[in-house]
Protein backbone atom coordinates (compact mmCIF):
# COMPACT_ATOMS: atom_id res chain seq x y z
CA MET A 1 0.14 -0.14 -0.09
CA THR A 2 1.22 3.53 -0.73
CA ALA A 3 0.70 6.55 0.84
CA LYS A 4 -2.69 8.12 0.02
CA GLY A 5 -4.32 4.53 0.99
CA LEU A 6 -3.26 4.29 -2.84
CA GLY A 7 -1.96 0.53 -3.91
CA PRO A 8 -1.25 -1.09 -7.16
CA SER A 9 -4.57 -1.91 -8.55
CA PRO A 10 -5.76 -5.77 -9.03
CA VAL A 11 -4.70 -6.57 -12.76
CA PHE A 12 -2.06 -4.65 -12.71
CA SER A 13 -0.69 -6.86 -9.55
CA GLU A 14 -1.55 -10.07 -10.64
CA ARG A 15 -0.16 -9.56 -14.60
CA LEU A 16 2.99 -8.92 -12.78
CA ASP A 17 3.03 -12.20 -10.46
CA GLN A 18 2.31 -14.22 -13.95
CA LEU A 19 5.06 -13.08 -15.48
CA ALA A 20 7.33 -13.84 -12.41
CA ALA A 21 5.82 -17.55 -11.42
CA GLU A 22 6.56 -17.75 -15.30
CA GLY A 23 9.66 -17.07 -14.68
CA ASN A 24 9.73 -13.76 -17.49
CA LEU A 25 11.09 -11.92 -14.74
CA SER A 26 13.62 -11.95 -11.83
CA PRO A 27 12.56 -11.29 -8.36
CA ASP A 28 15.40 -8.32 -8.77
CA VAL A 29 13.41 -6.67 -11.33
CA ILE A 30 9.25 -7.62 -10.48
CA GLU A 31 10.47 -5.66 -7.71
CA VAL A 32 11.66 -2.97 -9.14
CA ILE A 33 8.66 -2.39 -11.57
CA ARG A 34 6.67 -2.91 -8.34
CA ALA A 35 8.36 0.38 -6.53
CA GLN A 36 8.13 2.42 -10.00
CA HIS A 37 4.54 2.06 -10.60
CA GLU A 38 3.49 2.29 -6.25
CA ASP A 39 6.00 5.77 -6.62
CA ARG A 40 3.53 6.68 -9.85
CA LEU A 41 0.38 5.80 -7.67
CA LYS A 42 1.79 8.21 -4.69
CA HIS A 43 2.48 11.43 -7.13
CA ILE A 44 -0.97 10.57 -8.33
CA GLY A 45 -2.24 10.82 -4.43
CA ASP A 46 -0.82 13.67 -4.24
CA ARG A 47 -2.28 15.55 -7.16
CA ASN A 48 -5.99 14.09 -6.15
CA THR A 49 -5.70 15.59 -2.35
CA GLY A 50 -4.06 18.80 -3.70
CA THR A 51 -1.34 18.33 -1.38
CA SER A 52 1.51 18.49 -4.24
CA GLY A 53 1.37 22.36 -5.46
CA LYS A 54 3.97 23.21 -7.11
CA HIS A 55 6.14 20.34 -6.65
CA GLY A 56 3.86 17.89 -9.10
CA GLU A 57 3.55 20.65 -11.75
CA LEU A 58 7.68 20.52 -11.74
CA HIS A 59 7.99 17.12 -11.67
CA ASP A 60 5.63 17.27 -14.90
CA GLU A 61 8.02 19.78 -16.55
CA ILE A 62 10.96 18.40 -15.95
CA GLU A 63 9.78 15.34 -17.47
CA ARG A 64 9.02 16.65 -20.44
CA LEU A 65 11.66 18.36 -20.95
CA LEU A 66 14.15 15.03 -20.50
CA ILE A 67 11.87 13.41 -23.21
CA ALA A 68 12.28 16.42 -25.48
CA ALA A 69 16.01 16.28 -24.96
CA GLU A 70 15.92 12.45 -25.05
CA ARG A 71 13.89 12.92 -28.95
CA LYS A 72 16.06 15.34 -30.44
CA ARG A 73 19.21 13.09 -29.29
CA ILE A 74 17.76 9.69 -31.17
CA ASN A 75 16.64 12.40 -34.24
CA ASP A 76 19.80 14.33 -34.43
CA HIS A 77 21.09 10.50 -34.08
CA LEU A 78 19.08 9.23 -36.91
CA SER A 79 19.87 12.26 -39.14
CA GLU A 80 23.31 11.89 -39.11
CA ARG A 81 23.29 8.55 -40.72
């Protein structure tokens, strides 16, 4: 369970458990995926309660800038070919 009472959806948990049981993902990878998912849910919970304020907006802006920089680097690399 994460902050604000949000937890992974049953579908997410079931699918991740299924992948783990099938041996497609190592336990370390499963734990990283769970942690990332719970972190995302925490940010959603913060936004829904209005406690994140400018923090959430800043996080989104930084993420958009990183994605734009990654996209530019990929496009530059592909245009060099």
